[in-house]
Amino acid sequence: QGYTSFWNDCISSGLRGGILIELALRGRIHLEPLSIRKKRLLERKVLLKSDTPTGDVLLDETLRHIKAVESAETVQTWIELLTGETWNPFKLQYQLRNVRERIAKALVEKGILTTEKQNFLLFDMTTHPVSNATEKQRLVKKLQESMLERWVNDPRRMDRRTLALLVLAHSSDVLENVFASLADDKYDVAMNRTKDL
C-alpha cells in the first residue's frame, strides 16, 4: 500500500531495534556479557565495539549517539532514546527523526519502492508503494520457509539475519501479514513456531 498502518504503534520501536541489530551484525556494537544474574536481552547494556562508519546514514548517526553517551545504556533504553520516548529531556538529542521516510527514500533509490501522492479524505500524503514485487516475494518466501520447510527448531542454528527479521517482524506486529497467504494449517504451525521462537 505504500504506508504503514495508522493503528500500528510498534513499528517505530521495531525499526530502531533493527538499526541496533544491524550495527551488531556489522560488528560495531555488542551486548555486555551475561553475568551470573542472567538479564533479559532488553536489560543488557549496549557497548561500542568499533566506531568505524558503515556508510549508511541512519546506522552511522546511531553509532555516533552510542559513542557520545557518558555511560552505557540498555537495549530497552536505547530504543526509547532513539524513538524519542524518553522522560529525560537532556537525552532528546539521541532521537532518530524521520526514520520511516529516510528508509523509504533509500528503498526508492534501490528501486524497491516508488513515491506517489495519495488522497486521504482531507489531506494528501506521500506514500511509497512496492515497485519491485519480486524482492518483496523473495523476502516473504524466505521467512515462510524458515518457519516451515527449513525449520531447525533451534534459534542458535538459524541464519542470524533471518532470525532477527522474524523477531523484529513479530515484535512490530507485521509478521501475520507474511503468513497470511499460507493455508490455514501451515499458518497455525508458522505462528505457533514464531511464538515459541
C-alpha atoms as a PDB file:
ATOM      1  CA  GLN A   1       0.000   0.000   0.000  1.00  0.00           C
ATOM      2  CA  GLY A   2       2.928   2.322   0.492  1.00  0.00           C
ATOM      3  CA  TYR A   3       2.273   3.376   4.097  1.00  0.00           C
ATOM      4  CA  THR A   4       2.243   1.724   7.490  1.00  0.00           C
ATOM      5  CA  SER A   5      -0.989   1.188   9.374  1.00  0.00           C
ATOM      6  CA  PHE A   6      -2.155   4.142  11.423  1.00  0.00           C
ATOM      7  CA  TRP A   7      -3.110   1.665  14.173  1.00  0.00           C
ATOM      8  CA  ASN A   8       0.330   0.054  14.470  1.00  0.00           C
ATOM      9  CA  ASP A   9       2.349   1.763  17.199  1.00  0.00           C
ATOM     10  CA  CYS A  10       5.053  -0.954  17.295  1.00  0.00           C
ATOM     11  CA  ILE A  11       6.797  -0.167  14.008  1.00  0.00           C
ATOM     12  CA  SER A  12       8.855   2.789  15.290  1.00  0.00           C
ATOM     13  CA  SER A  13      10.492   0.758  18.051  1.00  0.00           C
ATOM     14  CA  GLY A  14      10.878  -2.196  15.659  1.00  0.00           C
ATOM     15  CA  LEU A  15      12.793  -0.038  13.167  1.00  0.00           C
ATOM     16  CA  ARG A  16      15.097   1.267  15.914  1.00  0.00           C
ATOM     17  CA  GLY A  17      15.622  -2.299  17.137  1.00  0.00           C
ATOM     18  CA  GLY A  18      16.503  -3.251  13.559  1.00  0.00           C
ATOM     19  CA  ILE A  19      19.117  -0.489  13.435  1.00  0.00           C
ATOM     20  CA  LEU A  20      20.716  -1.795  16.645  1.00  0.00           C
ATOM     21  CA  ILE A  21      20.677  -5.362  15.300  1.00  0.00           C
ATOM     22  CA  GLU A  22      22.276  -4.267  12.023  1.00  0.00           C
ATOM     23  CA  LEU A  23      25.044  -2.457  13.935  1.00  0.00           C
ATOM     24  CA  ALA A  24      25.661  -5.656  15.927  1.00  0.00           C
ATOM     25  CA  LEU A  25      25.712  -7.820  12.783  1.00  0.00           C
ATOM     26  CA  ARG A  26      28.257  -5.408  11.254  1.00  0.00           C
ATOM     27  CA  GLY A  27      30.493  -5.681  14.328  1.00  0.00           C
ATOM     28  CA  ARG A  28      30.074  -2.084  15.540  1.00  0.00           C
ATOM     29  CA  ILE A  29      28.302  -2.815  18.841  1.00  0.00           C
ATOM     30  CA  HIS A  30      27.792  -5.779  21.158  1.00  0.00           C
ATOM     31  CA  LEU A  31      25.939  -6.506  24.371  1.00  0.00           C
ATOM     32  CA  GLU A  32      27.564  -6.731  27.764  1.00  0.00           C
ATOM     33  CA  PRO A  33      28.433 -10.346  28.605  1.00  0.00           C
ATOM     34  CA  LEU A  34      25.916 -12.389  30.532  1.00  0.00           C
ATOM     35  CA  SER A  35      26.609 -12.280  34.258  1.00  0.00           C
ATOM     36  CA  ILE A  36      25.679 -14.709  37.000  1.00  0.00           C
ATOM     37  CA  ARG A  37      22.394 -12.835  37.304  1.00  0.00           C
ATOM     38  CA  LYS A  38      21.148 -13.565  33.785  1.00  0.00           C
ATOM     39  CA  LYS A  39      19.456 -10.479  32.440  1.00  0.00           C
ATOM     40  CA  ARG A  40      16.826 -10.405  29.751  1.00  0.00           C
ATOM     41  CA  LEU A  41      18.121  -9.256  26.376  1.00  0.00           C
ATOM     42  CA  LEU A  42      16.475  -5.834  26.703  1.00  0.00           C
ATOM     43  CA  GLU A  43      18.166  -5.256  30.082  1.00  0.00           C
ATOM     44  CA  ARG A  44      21.722  -5.820  28.837  1.00  0.00           C
ATOM     45  CA  LYS A  45      23.884  -2.768  28.091  1.00  0.00           C
ATOM     46  CA  VAL A  46      24.896  -1.863  24.536  1.00  0.00           C
ATOM     47  CA  LEU A  47      28.674  -1.478  24.243  1.00  0.00           C
ATOM     48  CA  LEU A  48      30.625   0.168  21.432  1.00  0.00           C
ATOM     49  CA  LYS A  49      32.948  -2.244  19.651  1.00  0.00           C
ATOM     50  CA  SER A  50      34.059  -0.066  16.727  1.00  0.00           C
ATOM     51  CA  ASP A  51      33.136   3.454  15.649  1.00  0.00           C
ATOM     52  CA  THR A  52      34.212   2.869  12.046  1.00  0.00           C
ATOM     53  CA  PRO A  53      31.455   4.338   9.823  1.00  0.00           C
ATOM     54  CA  THR A  54      29.240   1.872   7.956  1.00  0.00           C
ATOM     55  CA  GLY A  55      28.412   4.144   5.021  1.00  0.00           C
ATOM     56  CA  ASP A  56      24.704   4.088   5.935  1.00  0.00           C
ATOM     57  CA  VAL A  57      23.377   7.430   7.225  1.00  0.00           C
ATOM     58  CA  LEU A  58      20.983   6.019   9.863  1.00  0.00           C
ATOM     59  CA  LEU A  59      23.446   3.434  11.140  1.00  0.00           C
ATOM     60  CA  ASP A  60      26.256   5.987  11.396  1.00  0.00           C
ATOM     61  CA  GLU A  61      24.015   8.507  13.168  1.00  0.00           C
ATOM     62  CA  THR A  62      23.064   5.837  15.721  1.00  0.00           C
ATOM     63  CA  LEU A  63      26.714   4.845  16.100  1.00  0.00           C
ATOM     64  CA  ARG A  64      27.642   8.473  16.888  1.00  0.00           C
ATOM     65  CA  HIS A  65      24.894   8.580  19.545  1.00  0.00           C
ATOM     66  CA  ILE A  66      26.113   5.361  21.175  1.00  0.00           C
ATOM     67  CA  LYS A  67      29.676   6.699  21.198  1.00  0.00           C
ATOM     68  CA  ALA A  68      28.553  10.038  22.709  1.00  0.00           C
ATOM     69  CA  VAL A  69      26.837   8.699  25.849  1.00  0.00           C
ATOM     70  CA  GLU A  70      28.760   9.016  29.104  1.00  0.00           C
ATOM     71  CA  SER A  71      27.743   5.603  30.425  1.00  0.00           C
ATOM     72  CA  ALA A  72      26.411   2.555  28.570  1.00  0.00           C
ATOM     73  CA  GLU A  73      22.636   2.229  28.266  1.00  0.00           C
ATOM     74  CA  THR A  74      20.478  -0.908  27.966  1.00  0.00           C
ATOM     75  CA  VAL A  75      18.877  -2.126  24.735  1.00  0.00           C
ATOM     76  CA  GLN A  76      15.455  -1.018  26.031  1.00  0.00           C
ATOM     77  CA  THR A  77      16.765   2.443  26.938  1.00  0.00           C
ATOM     78  CA  TRP A  78      18.400   2.858  23.518  1.00  0.00           C
ATOM     79  CA  ILE A  79      15.155   2.000  21.746  1.00  0.00           C
ATOM     80  CA  GLU A  80      13.341   4.564  23.910  1.00  0.00           C
ATOM     81  CA  LEU A  81      16.026   7.202  23.270  1.00  0.00           C
ATOM     82  CA  LEU A  82      16.116   6.584  19.509  1.00  0.00           C
ATOM     83  CA  THR A  83      12.307   6.783  19.234  1.00  0.00           C
ATOM     84  CA  GLY A  84      12.196   9.919  21.401  1.00  0.00           C
ATOM     85  CA  GLU A  85      10.061   8.168  24.026  1.00  0.00           C
ATOM     86  CA  THR A  86      12.264   9.179  26.929  1.00  0.00           C
ATOM     87  CA  TRP A  87      11.323  11.061  30.075  1.00  0.00           C
ATOM     88  CA  ASN A  88      14.764  12.645  30.243  1.00  0.00           C
ATOM     89  CA  PRO A  89      14.719  15.991  28.371  1.00  0.00           C
ATOM     90  CA  PHE A  90      18.540  16.061  28.387  1.00  0.00           C
ATOM     91  CA  LYS A  91      18.625  12.945  26.216  1.00  0.00           C
ATOM     92  CA  LEU A  92      16.193  14.055  23.496  1.00  0.00           C
ATOM     93  CA  GLN A  93      19.145  14.759  21.175  1.00  0.00           C
ATOM     94  CA  TYR A  94      19.540  10.976  20.722  1.00  0.00           C
ATOM     95  CA  GLN A  95      16.210  10.666  18.905  1.00  0.00           C
ATOM     96  CA  LEU A  96      16.432   9.473  15.283  1.00  0.00           C
ATOM     97  CA  ARG A  97      13.982  11.595  13.312  1.00  0.00           C
ATOM     98  CA  ASN A  98      12.017  10.702  10.164  1.00  0.00           C
ATOM     99  CA  VAL A  99      13.279   7.106  10.162  1.00  0.00           C
ATOM    100  CA  ARG A 100      10.384   5.687   8.098  1.00  0.00           C
ATOM    101  CA  GLU A 101      10.759   8.398   5.462  1.00  0.00           C
ATOM    102  CA  ARG A 102      14.542   8.007   5.311  1.00  0.00           C
ATOM    103  CA  ILE A 103      14.302   4.219   4.965  1.00  0.00           C
ATOM    104  CA  ALA A 104      11.586   4.584   2.314  1.00  0.00           C
ATOM    105  CA  LYS A 105      13.755   7.048   0.380  1.00  0.00           C
ATOM    106  CA  ALA A 106      16.688   4.600   0.464  1.00  0.00           C
ATOM    107  CA  LEU A 107      14.394   1.819  -0.824  1.00  0.00           C
ATOM    108  CA  VAL A 108      13.145   4.135  -3.601  1.00  0.00           C
ATOM    109  CA  GLU A 109      16.773   4.728  -4.619  1.00  0.00           C
ATOM    110  CA  LYS A 110      17.307   0.942  -4.731  1.00  0.00           C
ATOM    111  CA  GLY A 111      14.246   0.514  -6.973  1.00  0.00           C
ATOM    112  CA  ILE A 112      12.223  -1.483  -4.428  1.00  0.00           C
ATOM    113  CA  LEU A 113       9.665   1.247  -3.673  1.00  0.00           C
ATOM    114  CA  THR A 114       8.273   4.154  -5.631  1.00  0.00           C
ATOM    115  CA  THR A 115       6.893   7.517  -4.489  1.00  0.00           C
ATOM    116  CA  GLU A 116       3.274   8.597  -5.018  1.00  0.00           C
ATOM    117  CA  LYS A 117       0.776  11.077  -3.606  1.00  0.00           C
ATOM    118  CA  GLN A 118      -2.375   9.535  -2.161  1.00  0.00           C
ATOM    119  CA  ASN A 119      -5.503  11.372  -1.070  1.00  0.00           C
ATOM    120  CA  PHE A 120      -6.887  10.555   2.389  1.00  0.00           C
ATOM    121  CA  LEU A 121     -10.180  12.487   2.522  1.00  0.00           C
ATOM    122  CA  LEU A 122      -8.940  15.861   3.825  1.00  0.00           C
ATOM    123  CA  PHE A 123      -5.244  15.684   3.047  1.00  0.00           C
ATOM    124  CA  ASP A 124      -2.702  14.356   0.574  1.00  0.00           C
ATOM    125  CA  MET A 125       0.028  12.073   1.829  1.00  0.00           C
ATOM    126  CA  THR A 126       3.247  10.875   0.221  1.00  0.00           C
ATOM    127  CA  THR A 127       3.237   7.092   0.051  1.00  0.00           C
ATOM    128  CA  HIS A 128       5.828   4.562  -1.049  1.00  0.00           C
ATOM    129  CA  PRO A 129       4.184   1.524  -2.692  1.00  0.00           C
ATOM    130  CA  VAL A 130       6.242  -1.522  -3.670  1.00  0.00           C
ATOM    131  CA  SER A 131       7.534  -1.275  -7.236  1.00  0.00           C
ATOM    132  CA  ASN A 132       9.658  -4.436  -7.112  1.00  0.00           C
ATOM    133  CA  ALA A 133       7.208  -7.139  -6.055  1.00  0.00           C
ATOM    134  CA  THR A 134       9.804  -9.835  -6.805  1.00  0.00           C
ATOM    135  CA  GLU A 135      12.066  -8.620  -3.984  1.00  0.00           C
ATOM    136  CA  LYS A 136       9.154  -8.498  -1.540  1.00  0.00           C
ATOM    137  CA  GLN A 137       8.015 -12.000  -2.558  1.00  0.00           C
ATOM    138  CA  ARG A 138      11.567 -13.339  -2.145  1.00  0.00           C
ATOM    139  CA  LEU A 139      11.687 -11.994   1.396  1.00  0.00           C
ATOM    140  CA  VAL A 140       8.203 -13.299   2.292  1.00  0.00           C
ATOM    141  CA  LYS A 141       9.073 -16.746   0.892  1.00  0.00           C
ATOM    142  CA  LYS A 142      12.352 -16.819   2.825  1.00  0.00           C
ATOM    143  CA  LEU A 143      10.546 -16.097   6.105  1.00  0.00           C
ATOM    144  CA  GLN A 144       7.764 -18.611   5.387  1.00  0.00           C
ATOM    145  CA  GLU A 145      10.268 -21.350   4.531  1.00  0.00           C
ATOM    146  CA  SER A 146      12.342 -20.638   7.641  1.00  0.00           C
ATOM    147  CA  MET A 147       9.283 -21.429   9.771  1.00  0.00           C
ATOM    148  CA  LEU A 148       8.062 -24.404   7.712  1.00  0.00           C
ATOM    149  CA  GLU A 149      10.252 -26.367   5.249  1.00  0.00           C
ATOM    150  CA  ARG A 150      13.588 -25.218   6.721  1.00  0.00           C
ATOM    151  CA  TRP A 151      12.543 -25.164  10.367  1.00  0.00           C
ATOM    152  CA  VAL A 152      15.511 -26.146  12.582  1.00  0.00           C
ATOM    153  CA  ASN A 153      13.811 -25.819  15.997  1.00  0.00           C
ATOM    154  CA  ASP A 154      16.881 -24.124  17.481  1.00  0.00           C
ATOM    155  CA  PRO A 155      17.448 -20.370  17.217  1.00  0.00           C
ATOM    156  CA  ARG A 156      21.232 -20.857  17.524  1.00  0.00           C
ATOM    157  CA  ARG A 157      21.246 -22.848  14.260  1.00  0.00           C
ATOM    158  CA  MET A 158      19.161 -20.326  12.299  1.00  0.00           C
ATOM    159  CA  ASP A 159      20.611 -17.750   9.930  1.00  0.00           C
ATOM    160  CA  ARG A 160      21.167 -14.676  12.135  1.00  0.00           C
ATOM    161  CA  ARG A 161      19.590 -12.176   9.714  1.00  0.00           C
ATOM    162  CA  THR A 162      16.531 -14.364   9.183  1.00  0.00           C
ATOM    163  CA  LEU A 163      16.138 -14.856  12.934  1.00  0.00           C
ATOM    164  CA  ALA A 164      16.484 -11.107  13.526  1.00  0.00           C
ATOM    165  CA  LEU A 165      13.931 -10.330  10.817  1.00  0.00           C
ATOM    166  CA  LEU A 166      11.423 -12.836  12.240  1.00  0.00           C
ATOM    167  CA  VAL A 167      11.762 -11.440  15.772  1.00  0.00           C
ATOM    168  CA  LEU A 168      11.536  -7.829  14.559  1.00  0.00           C
ATOM    169  CA  ALA A 169       8.524  -8.538  12.337  1.00  0.00           C
ATOM    170  CA  HIS A 170       6.797 -10.314  15.222  1.00  0.00           C
ATOM    171  CA  SER A 171       7.507  -7.534  17.728  1.00  0.00           C
ATOM    172  CA  SER A 172       6.486  -4.888  15.154  1.00  0.00           C
ATOM    173  CA  ASP A 173       3.156  -6.685  14.708  1.00  0.00           C
ATOM    174  CA  VAL A 174       3.575  -7.270  10.948  1.00  0.00           C
ATOM    175  CA  LEU A 175       4.568 -10.955  10.842  1.00  0.00           C
ATOM    176  CA  GLU A 176       0.955 -12.058  10.460  1.00  0.00           C
ATOM    177  CA  ASN A 177       0.955 -10.381   7.021  1.00  0.00           C
ATOM    178  CA  VAL A 178       3.918 -12.567   5.972  1.00  0.00           C
ATOM    179  CA  PHE A 179       1.997 -15.749   6.795  1.00  0.00           C
ATOM    180  CA  ALA A 180      -1.422 -14.549   5.526  1.00  0.00           C
ATOM    181  CA  SER A 181      -1.076 -16.309   2.139  1.00  0.00           C
ATOM    182  CA  LEU A 182      -0.437 -19.721   3.755  1.00  0.00           C
ATOM    183  CA  ALA A 183      -3.076 -22.451   4.065  1.00  0.00           C
ATOM    184  CA  ASP A 184      -4.762 -22.470   7.484  1.00  0.00           C
ATOM    185  CA  ASP A 185      -2.830 -25.479   8.841  1.00  0.00           C
ATOM    186  CA  LYS A 186       0.543 -24.076   7.733  1.00  0.00           C
ATOM    187  CA  TYR A 187      -0.396 -20.640   9.056  1.00  0.00           C
ATOM    188  CA  ASP A 188      -1.104 -22.140  12.500  1.00  0.00           C
ATOM    189  CA  VAL A 189       2.203 -24.055  12.500  1.00  0.00           C
ATOM    190  CA  ALA A 190       4.186 -20.953  11.460  1.00  0.00           C
ATOM    191  CA  MET A 191       2.524 -18.707  14.051  1.00  0.00           C
ATOM    192  CA  ASN A 192       2.970 -21.260  16.863  1.00  0.00           C
ATOM    193  CA  ARG A 193       6.650 -21.726  15.994  1.00  0.00           C
ATOM    194  CA  THR A 194       7.076 -17.953  15.927  1.00  0.00           C
ATOM    195  CA  LYS A 195       5.616 -17.651  19.420  1.00  0.00           C
ATOM    196  CA  ASP A 196       7.968 -20.390  20.670  1.00  0.00           C
ATOM    197  CA  LEU A 197      10.906 -18.685  18.982  1.00  0.00           C
END
